[in-house]
């Protein structure tokens, strides 16, 4: 059950960051907001995905 919850929550968080937060910041007039959106797309989203994959693998092995 926790693997299912991890997969669903990871997908929802990544979709929210990629399609709601990053475009909203990227369309801002402030340079700092554009930089924040680039950081979210290039660093935060992949790190969440890698963390979730590592957790999923460790939980799969412990069965």
N, C-alpha and C. Protein backbone atom coordinates (compact mmCIF):
# COMPACT_ATOMS: atom_id res chain seq x y z
N UNK A 1 0.82 -1.20 0.00
CA UNK A 1 0.00 0.00 0.00
C UNK A 1 0.86 1.26 0.00
N UNK A 2 1.97 1.22 0.76
CA UNK A 2 2.81 2.41 0.80
C UNK A 2 3.53 2.63 -0.52
N UNK A 3 3.79 1.56 -1.28
CA UNK A 3 4.39 1.73 -2.60
C UNK A 3 3.41 2.42 -3.55
N UNK A 4 2.16 2.04 -3.47
CA UNK A 4 1.13 2.67 -4.30
C UNK A 4 0.99 4.14 -3.93
N UNK A 5 0.96 4.44 -2.64
CA UNK A 5 0.85 5.82 -2.18
C UNK A 5 2.06 6.64 -2.62
N UNK A 6 3.25 6.05 -2.54
CA UNK A 6 4.46 6.75 -2.97
C UNK A 6 4.42 7.06 -4.46
N UNK A 7 4.00 6.09 -5.26
CA UNK A 7 3.94 6.30 -6.71
C UNK A 7 2.92 7.37 -7.07
N UNK A 8 1.74 7.31 -6.49
CA UNK A 8 0.69 8.27 -6.81
C UNK A 8 1.06 9.67 -6.33
N UNK A 9 1.57 9.77 -5.11
CA UNK A 9 1.91 11.10 -4.59
C UNK A 9 3.10 11.70 -5.34
N UNK A 10 4.05 10.88 -5.75
CA UNK A 10 5.17 11.39 -6.54
C UNK A 10 4.71 11.94 -7.87
N UNK A 11 3.86 11.20 -8.54
CA UNK A 11 3.35 11.66 -9.83
C UNK A 11 2.55 12.95 -9.67
N UNK A 12 1.73 13.03 -8.64
CA UNK A 12 0.94 14.24 -8.43
C UNK A 12 1.81 15.45 -8.09
N UNK A 13 2.81 15.25 -7.27
CA UNK A 13 3.71 16.37 -6.92
C UNK A 13 4.50 16.83 -8.13
N UNK A 14 5.01 15.90 -8.91
CA UNK A 14 5.79 16.27 -10.09
C UNK A 14 4.91 16.99 -11.11
N UNK A 15 3.70 16.49 -11.33
CA UNK A 15 2.80 17.17 -12.26
C UNK A 15 2.43 18.56 -11.77
N UNK A 16 2.19 18.70 -10.48
CA UNK A 16 1.87 20.01 -9.91
C UNK A 16 3.03 20.98 -10.09
N UNK A 17 4.24 20.52 -9.81
CA UNK A 17 5.40 21.40 -9.95
C UNK A 17 5.65 21.77 -11.41
N UNK A 18 5.49 20.80 -12.31
CA UNK A 18 5.81 21.07 -13.71
C UNK A 18 4.74 21.88 -14.43
N UNK A 19 3.48 21.67 -14.10
CA UNK A 19 2.42 22.30 -14.88
C UNK A 19 1.68 23.42 -14.16
N UNK A 20 1.96 23.64 -12.87
CA UNK A 20 1.30 24.73 -12.15
C UNK A 20 2.32 25.73 -11.62
N UNK A 21 3.25 25.25 -10.82
CA UNK A 21 4.18 26.16 -10.15
C UNK A 21 5.20 26.74 -11.12
N UNK A 22 5.87 25.90 -11.88
CA UNK A 22 6.92 26.38 -12.78
C UNK A 22 6.40 27.34 -13.85
N UNK A 23 5.30 27.04 -14.55
CA UNK A 23 4.81 28.02 -15.53
C UNK A 23 4.35 29.33 -14.90
N UNK A 24 3.79 29.24 -13.70
CA UNK A 24 3.35 30.45 -13.02
C UNK A 24 4.55 31.34 -12.68
N UNK A 25 5.63 30.72 -12.21
CA UNK A 25 6.83 31.49 -11.91
C UNK A 25 7.53 31.95 -13.18
N UNK A 26 7.52 31.10 -14.21
CA UNK A 26 8.22 31.44 -15.44
C UNK A 26 7.57 32.61 -16.17
N UNK A 27 6.26 32.78 -16.00
CA UNK A 27 5.57 33.88 -16.67
C UNK A 27 5.65 35.18 -15.87
N UNK A 28 6.29 35.15 -14.73
CA UNK A 28 6.40 36.36 -13.91
C UNK A 28 7.40 37.33 -14.53
N UNK A 29 7.27 38.58 -14.16
CA UNK A 29 8.17 39.60 -14.69
C UNK A 29 9.50 39.65 -13.92
N UNK A 30 9.52 39.04 -12.75
CA UNK A 30 10.69 39.08 -11.90
C UNK A 30 11.73 38.05 -12.35
N UNK A 31 12.98 38.46 -12.44
CA UNK A 31 14.04 37.54 -12.85
C UNK A 31 14.27 36.43 -11.83
N UNK A 32 14.07 36.75 -10.56
CA UNK A 32 14.26 35.75 -9.52
C UNK A 32 13.21 34.64 -9.61
N UNK A 33 12.00 35.00 -10.00
CA UNK A 33 10.95 34.00 -10.16
C UNK A 33 11.24 33.08 -11.34
N UNK A 34 11.77 33.64 -12.41
CA UNK A 34 12.15 32.82 -13.56
C UNK A 34 13.29 31.87 -13.18
N UNK A 35 14.24 32.37 -12.43
CA UNK A 35 15.33 31.52 -11.96
C UNK A 35 14.81 30.41 -11.05
N UNK A 36 13.85 30.74 -10.20
CA UNK A 36 13.25 29.73 -9.32
C UNK A 36 12.54 28.65 -10.13
N UNK A 37 11.85 29.04 -11.19
CA UNK A 37 11.16 28.04 -12.01
C UNK A 37 12.15 27.14 -12.73
N UNK A 38 13.26 27.70 -13.18
CA UNK A 38 14.28 26.87 -13.83
C UNK A 38 14.90 25.90 -12.83
N UNK A 39 15.13 26.38 -11.61
CA UNK A 39 15.67 25.50 -10.56
C UNK A 39 14.69 24.38 -10.24
N UNK A 40 13.40 24.71 -10.19
CA UNK A 40 12.39 23.69 -9.93
C UNK A 40 12.40 22.63 -11.03
N UNK A 41 12.45 23.08 -12.28
CA UNK A 41 12.40 22.13 -13.39
C UNK A 41 13.67 21.29 -13.51
N UNK A 42 14.82 21.90 -13.24
CA UNK A 42 16.08 21.18 -13.46
C UNK A 42 16.59 20.40 -12.24
N UNK A 43 16.22 20.83 -11.04
CA UNK A 43 16.80 20.20 -9.86
C UNK A 43 15.76 19.56 -8.93
N UNK A 44 14.68 20.24 -8.65
CA UNK A 44 13.72 19.75 -7.66
C UNK A 44 12.94 18.55 -8.20
N UNK A 45 12.41 18.67 -9.40
CA UNK A 45 11.62 17.57 -9.97
C UNK A 45 12.46 16.30 -10.15
N UNK A 46 13.67 16.39 -10.73
CA UNK A 46 14.47 15.15 -10.82
C UNK A 46 14.88 14.57 -9.47
N UNK A 47 15.15 15.43 -8.49
CA UNK A 47 15.55 14.90 -7.18
C UNK A 47 14.38 14.19 -6.50
N UNK A 48 13.16 14.69 -6.67
CA UNK A 48 11.99 14.01 -6.13
C UNK A 48 11.81 12.66 -6.82
N UNK A 49 12.00 12.63 -8.13
CA UNK A 49 11.85 11.37 -8.86
C UNK A 49 12.91 10.35 -8.44
N UNK A 50 14.15 10.79 -8.30
CA UNK A 50 15.22 9.87 -7.90
C UNK A 50 14.99 9.35 -6.49
N UNK A 51 14.58 10.22 -5.57
CA UNK A 51 14.30 9.79 -4.20
C UNK A 51 13.18 8.75 -4.18
N UNK A 52 12.14 8.99 -4.95
CA UNK A 52 11.01 8.06 -4.97
C UNK A 52 11.39 6.72 -5.57
N UNK A 53 12.20 6.74 -6.61
CA UNK A 53 12.64 5.49 -7.23
C UNK A 53 13.51 4.69 -6.26
N UNK A 54 14.40 5.38 -5.54
CA UNK A 54 15.25 4.69 -4.56
C UNK A 54 14.40 4.08 -3.45
N UNK A 55 13.42 4.82 -2.95
CA UNK A 55 12.55 4.29 -1.90
C UNK A 55 11.75 3.10 -2.41
N UNK A 56 11.25 3.21 -3.63
CA UNK A 56 10.46 2.12 -4.21
C UNK A 56 11.31 0.86 -4.34
N UNK A 57 12.57 1.02 -4.76
CA UNK A 57 13.45 -0.14 -4.90
C UNK A 57 13.75 -0.77 -3.54
N UNK A 58 14.01 0.06 -2.53
CA UNK A 58 14.31 -0.52 -1.21
C UNK A 58 13.09 -1.21 -0.63
N UNK A 59 11.92 -0.67 -0.83
CA UNK A 59 10.71 -1.31 -0.33
C UNK A 59 10.39 -2.59 -1.10
N UNK A 60 10.75 -2.64 -2.37
CA UNK A 60 10.49 -3.84 -3.16
C UNK A 60 11.43 -4.98 -2.75
N UNK A 61 12.65 -4.66 -2.38
CA UNK A 61 13.63 -5.68 -2.01
C UNK A 61 13.31 -6.26 -0.64
N UNK A 62 12.75 -5.47 0.26
CA UNK A 62 12.52 -5.91 1.64
C UNK A 62 11.35 -6.88 1.79
N UNK A 63 10.66 -7.23 0.73
CA UNK A 63 9.51 -8.14 0.83
C UNK A 63 9.89 -9.49 1.25
